[in-house]
PDB file of N, CA and C in Angstrom:
ATOM      1  N   MET A   1      -7.970  21.008 -35.169  1.00  0.00           N
ATOM      2  CA  MET A   1      -8.247  20.623 -34.141  1.00  0.00           C
ATOM      3  C   MET A   1      -7.803  20.166 -33.151  1.00  0.00           C
ATOM      4  N   PRO A   2      -8.112  20.662 -31.729  1.00  0.00           N
ATOM      5  CA  PRO A   2      -7.065  21.020 -30.542  1.00  0.00           C
ATOM      6  C   PRO A   2      -6.310  20.001 -30.260  1.00  0.00           C
ATOM      7  N   GLU A   3      -5.183  20.794 -29.939  1.00  0.00           N
ATOM      8  CA  GLU A   3      -4.194  19.529 -29.305  1.00  0.00           C
ATOM      9  C   GLU A   3      -4.411  18.799 -28.263  1.00  0.00           C
ATOM     10  N   ARG A   4      -4.103  17.442 -28.231  1.00  0.00           N
ATOM     11  CA  ARG A   4      -4.638  16.924 -26.910  1.00  0.00           C
ATOM     12  C   ARG A   4      -3.766  17.327 -25.803  1.00  0.00           C
ATOM     13  N   ASP A   5      -4.400  17.025 -24.570  1.00  0.00           N
ATOM     14  CA  ASP A   5      -3.831  17.531 -23.167  1.00  0.00           C
ATOM     15  C   ASP A   5      -2.216  16.624 -23.041  1.00  0.00           C
ATOM     16  N   GLU A   6      -1.747  17.500 -22.508  1.00  0.00           N
ATOM     17  CA  GLU A   6      -0.191  16.970 -21.640  1.00  0.00           C
ATOM     18  C   GLU A   6      -0.655  16.343 -20.761  1.00  0.00           C
ATOM     19  N   VAL A   7      -0.374  14.954 -20.346  1.00  0.00           N
ATOM     20  CA  VAL A   7      -0.369  14.528 -19.079  1.00  0.00           C
ATOM     21  C   VAL A   7       0.657  15.134 -17.968  1.00  0.00           C
ATOM     22  N   ARG A   8       0.245  15.638 -17.007  1.00  0.00           N
ATOM     23  CA  ARG A   8       1.432  16.446 -16.244  1.00  0.00           C
ATOM     24  C   ARG A   8       1.565  15.192 -15.038  1.00  0.00           C
ATOM     25  N   ARG A   9       3.083  15.146 -15.118  1.00  0.00           N
ATOM     26  CA  ARG A   9       3.997  14.131 -14.666  1.00  0.00           C
ATOM     27  C   ARG A   9       4.756  14.729 -13.384  1.00  0.00           C
ATOM     28  N   LEU A  10       4.168  14.221 -12.277  1.00  0.00           N
ATOM     29  CA  LEU A  10       4.572  14.116 -11.025  1.00  0.00           C
ATOM     30  C   LEU A  10       5.938  13.010 -10.750  1.00  0.00           C
ATOM     31  N   PRO A  11       6.973  14.042  -9.850  1.00  0.00           N
ATOM     32  CA  PRO A  11       8.059  13.202  -9.622  1.00  0.00           C
ATOM     33  C   PRO A  11       7.705  12.227  -8.572  1.00  0.00           C
ATOM     34  N   THR A  12       8.385  10.867  -8.472  1.00  0.00           N
ATOM     35  CA  THR A  12       7.906   9.680  -8.001  1.00  0.00           C
ATOM     36  C   THR A  12       7.912   9.913  -6.452  1.00  0.00           C
ATOM     37  N   ASP A  13       8.671  10.584  -5.602  1.00  0.00           N
ATOM     38  CA  ASP A  13       8.650  11.100  -4.375  1.00  0.00           C
ATOM     39  C   ASP A  13       7.254  11.745  -4.006  1.00  0.00           C
ATOM     40  N   GLU A  14       6.974  12.839  -4.820  1.00  0.00           N
ATOM     41  CA  GLU A  14       5.980  13.894  -4.798  1.00  0.00           C
ATOM     42  C   GLU A  14       4.880  13.449  -4.179  1.00  0.00           C
ATOM     43  N   TRP A  15       4.763  12.126  -5.646  1.00  0.00           N
ATOM     44  CA  TRP A  15       2.921  11.098  -5.704  1.00  0.00           C
ATOM     45  C   TRP A  15       3.297  10.284  -4.540  1.00  0.00           C
ATOM     46  N   GLU A  16       3.974   9.613  -4.043  1.00  0.00           N
ATOM     47  CA  GLU A  16       3.962   8.567  -3.368  1.00  0.00           C
ATOM     48  C   GLU A  16       3.721   9.636  -1.348  1.00  0.00           C
ATOM     49  N   ARG A  17       4.212  10.869  -1.855  1.00  0.00           N
ATOM     50  CA  ARG A  17       3.791  11.540  -0.518  1.00  0.00           C
ATOM     51  C   ARG A  17       2.063  11.942  -0.576  1.00  0.00           C
ATOM     52  N   LEU A  18       1.715  12.035  -1.901  1.00  0.00           N
ATOM     53  CA  LEU A  18       0.602  12.903  -1.602  1.00  0.00           C
ATOM     54  C   LEU A  18      -0.430  11.342  -1.690  1.00  0.00           C
ATOM     55  N   LYS A  19       0.273  10.205  -2.157  1.00  0.00           N
ATOM     56  CA  LYS A  19      -0.879   8.918  -1.708  1.00  0.00           C
ATOM     57  C   LYS A  19      -0.738   8.864  -0.427  1.00  0.00           C
ATOM     58  N   ARG A  20       0.134   8.978   0.572  1.00  0.00           N
ATOM     59  CA  ARG A  20       0.487   8.654   2.051  1.00  0.00           C
ATOM     60  C   ARG A  20      -0.663   9.468   2.493  1.00  0.00           C
ATOM     61  N   ASP A  21      -0.638  10.903   2.080  1.00  0.00           N
ATOM     62  CA  ASP A  21      -1.561  12.242   2.790  1.00  0.00           C
ATOM     63  C   ASP A  21      -2.554  11.358   2.727  1.00  0.00           C
ATOM     64  N   ALA A  22      -3.214  11.338   1.783  1.00  0.00           N
ATOM     65  CA  ALA A  22      -4.460  10.543   1.572  1.00  0.00           C
ATOM     66  C   ALA A  22      -4.978   9.735   2.139  1.00  0.00           C
ATOM     67  N   ARG A  23      -4.086   8.749   2.447  1.00  0.00           N
ATOM     68  CA  ARG A  23      -4.458   7.024   3.012  1.00  0.00           C
ATOM     69  C   ARG A  23      -4.469   7.962   4.458  1.00  0.00           C
ATOM     70  N   GLU A  24      -3.958   8.884   4.850  1.00  0.00           N
ATOM     71  CA  GLU A  24      -3.566   8.519   6.238  1.00  0.00           C
ATOM     72  C   GLU A  24      -5.361  10.032   6.597  1.00  0.00           C
ATOM     73  N   ARG A  25      -5.307  10.663   5.918  1.00  0.00           N
ATOM     74  CA  ARG A  25      -6.736  11.499   6.173  1.00  0.00           C
ATOM     75  C   ARG A  25      -7.859  10.618   6.179  1.00  0.00           C
ATOM     76  N   ALA A  26      -7.468   9.799   5.107  1.00  0.00           N
ATOM     77  CA  ALA A  26      -8.880   8.638   5.180  1.00  0.00           C
ATOM     78  C   ALA A  26      -8.945   7.728   6.498  1.00  0.00           C
ATOM     79  N   GLU A  27      -7.884   7.504   6.966  1.00  0.00           N
ATOM     80  CA  GLU A  27      -7.976   6.635   7.856  1.00  0.00           C
ATOM     81  C   GLU A  27      -8.303   7.114   9.022  1.00  0.00           C
ATOM     82  N   HIS A  28      -7.851   8.505   9.059  1.00  0.00           N
ATOM     83  CA  HIS A  28      -8.408   9.359  10.244  1.00  0.00           C
ATOM     84  C   HIS A  28      -9.824  10.036  10.099  1.00  0.00           C
ATOM     85  N   ARG A  29     -10.059   9.632   9.273  1.00  0.00           N
ATOM     86  CA  ARG A  29     -12.095   9.983   8.912  1.00  0.00           C
ATOM     87  C   ARG A  29     -12.649   8.527   9.606  1.00  0.00           C
ATOM     88  N   LEU A  30     -12.172   7.645   9.088  1.00  0.00           N
ATOM     89  CA  LEU A  30     -12.796   6.657   9.287  1.00  0.00           C
ATOM     90  C   LEU A  30     -13.067   6.403  10.914  1.00  0.00           C
ATOM     91  N   ALA A  31     -11.735   6.806  11.675  1.00  0.00           N
ATOM     92  CA  ALA A  31     -11.493   6.436  13.084  1.00  0.00           C
ATOM     93  C   ALA A  31     -12.595   7.087  13.523  1.00  0.00           C
ATOM     94  N   ALA A  32     -12.502   8.450  13.276  1.00  0.00           N
ATOM     95  CA  ALA A  32     -13.564   9.448  13.573  1.00  0.00           C
ATOM     96  C   ALA A  32     -14.797   9.224  13.711  1.00  0.00           C
ATOM     97  N   GLN A  33     -15.537   8.513  12.371  1.00  0.00           N
ATOM     98  CA  GLN A  33     -16.564   8.182  12.301  1.00  0.00           C
ATOM     99  C   GLN A  33     -17.096   6.889  13.282  1.00  0.00           C
ATOM    100  N   ARG A  34     -16.150   6.088  13.437  1.00  0.00           N
ATOM    101  CA  ARG A  34     -16.354   4.739  14.437  1.00  0.00           C
ATOM    102  C   ARG A  34     -16.365   5.130  15.536  1.00  0.00           C
ATOM    103  N   ARG A  35     -15.794   6.495  16.194  1.00  0.00           N
ATOM    104  CA  ARG A  35     -15.859   6.890  17.429  1.00  0.00           C
ATOM    105  C   ARG A  35     -17.502   7.535  17.575  1.00  0.00           C
ATOM    106  N   GLY A  36     -18.017   7.804  16.490  1.00  0.00           N
ATOM    107  CA  GLY A  36     -19.280   8.474  16.777  1.00  0.00           C
ATOM    108  C   GLY A  36     -19.317   9.983  16.476  1.00  0.00           C
ATOM    109  N   GLY A  37     -18.033  10.588  16.179  1.00  0.00           N
ATOM    110  CA  GLY A  37     -17.812  11.837  16.168  1.00  0.00           C
ATOM    111  C   GLY A  37     -17.238  12.265  14.851  1.00  0.00           C
ATOM    112  N   SER A  38     -17.114  13.324  14.447  1.00  0.00           N
ATOM    113  CA  SER A  38     -16.444  14.036  13.085  1.00  0.00           C
ATOM    114  C   SER A  38     -15.604  14.749  13.730  1.00  0.00           C
ATOM    115  N   ASP A  39     -14.095  15.159  14.202  1.00  0.00           N
ATOM    116  CA  ASP A  39     -13.418  16.285  14.165  1.00  0.00           C
ATOM    117  C   ASP A  39     -12.986  16.906  12.817  1.00  0.00           C
ATOM    118  N   SER A  40     -13.853  16.238  11.653  1.00  0.00           N
ATOM    119  CA  SER A  40     -13.118  17.099  10.305  1.00  0.00           C
ATOM    120  C   SER A  40     -13.689  18.287  10.021  1.00  0.00           C
ATOM    121  N   GLY A  41     -15.173  17.943  10.647  1.00  0.00           N
ATOM    122  CA  GLY A  41     -16.299  19.114  10.575  1.00  0.00           C
ATOM    123  C   GLY A  41     -16.957  18.968   9.764  1.00  0.00           C
ATOM    124  N   GLN A  42     -17.022  17.633   8.997  1.00  0.00           N
ATOM    125  CA  GLN A  42     -17.468  17.426   7.778  1.00  0.00           C
ATOM    126  C   GLN A  42     -18.877  15.851   8.329  1.00  0.00           C
ATOM    127  N   HIS A  43     -20.043  16.343   7.643  1.00  0.00           N
ATOM    128  CA  HIS A  43     -21.077  15.268   8.073  1.00  0.00           C
ATOM    129  C   HIS A  43     -20.549  14.052   7.024  1.00  0.00           C
ATOM    130  N   THR A  44     -21.102  12.839   7.488  1.00  0.00           N
ATOM    131  CA  THR A  44     -21.013  11.549   6.860  1.00  0.00           C
ATOM    132  C   THR A  44     -21.797  11.778   5.283  1.00  0.00           C
ATOM    133  N   ASP A  45     -22.814  12.600   5.163  1.00  0.00           N
ATOM    134  CA  ASP A  45     -23.527  12.782   3.664  1.00  0.00           C
ATOM    135  C   ASP A  45     -22.486  13.908   3.061  1.00  0.00           C
ATOM    136  N   GLY A  46     -21.559  14.694   3.225  1.00  0.00           N
ATOM    137  CA  GLY A  46     -20.837  14.960   2.598  1.00  0.00           C
ATOM    138  C   GLY A  46     -20.874  16.803   3.078  1.00  0.00           C
ATOM    139  N   ARG A  47     -22.176  17.116   3.899  1.00  0.00           N
ATOM    140  CA  ARG A  47     -22.339  18.138   4.064  1.00  0.00           C
ATOM    141  C   ARG A  47     -21.101  19.141   5.010  1.00  0.00           C
ATOM    142  N   GLN A  48     -20.742  20.430   4.714  1.00  0.00           N
ATOM    143  CA  GLN A  48     -19.488  20.757   5.622  1.00  0.00           C
ATOM    144  C   GLN A  48     -19.966  22.010   6.580  1.00  0.00           C
ATOM    145  N   GLU A  49     -19.863  21.794   7.896  1.00  0.00           N
ATOM    146  CA  GLU A  49     -20.054  22.816   8.453  1.00  0.00           C
ATOM    147  C   GLU A  49     -19.475  23.846   8.470  1.00  0.00           C
ATOM    148  N   PRO A  50     -20.363  24.868   8.613  1.00  0.00           N
ATOM    149  CA  PRO A  50     -19.213  26.357   8.465  1.00  0.00           C
ATOM    150  C   PRO A  50     -18.529  26.992   9.063  1.00  0.00           C
TER     151      PRO A  50
END
């Protein structure tokens, strides 16, 4: 029987930084959508610009 996968623990400060970065990217993306453009290079349906 295979051993169960170990849960990788991140230091709390690292985890908080990752969450903050993700939140900032999401806010930036939403602001770009509200302006009617997308400076991230992504379409709203998930297609990526080359």
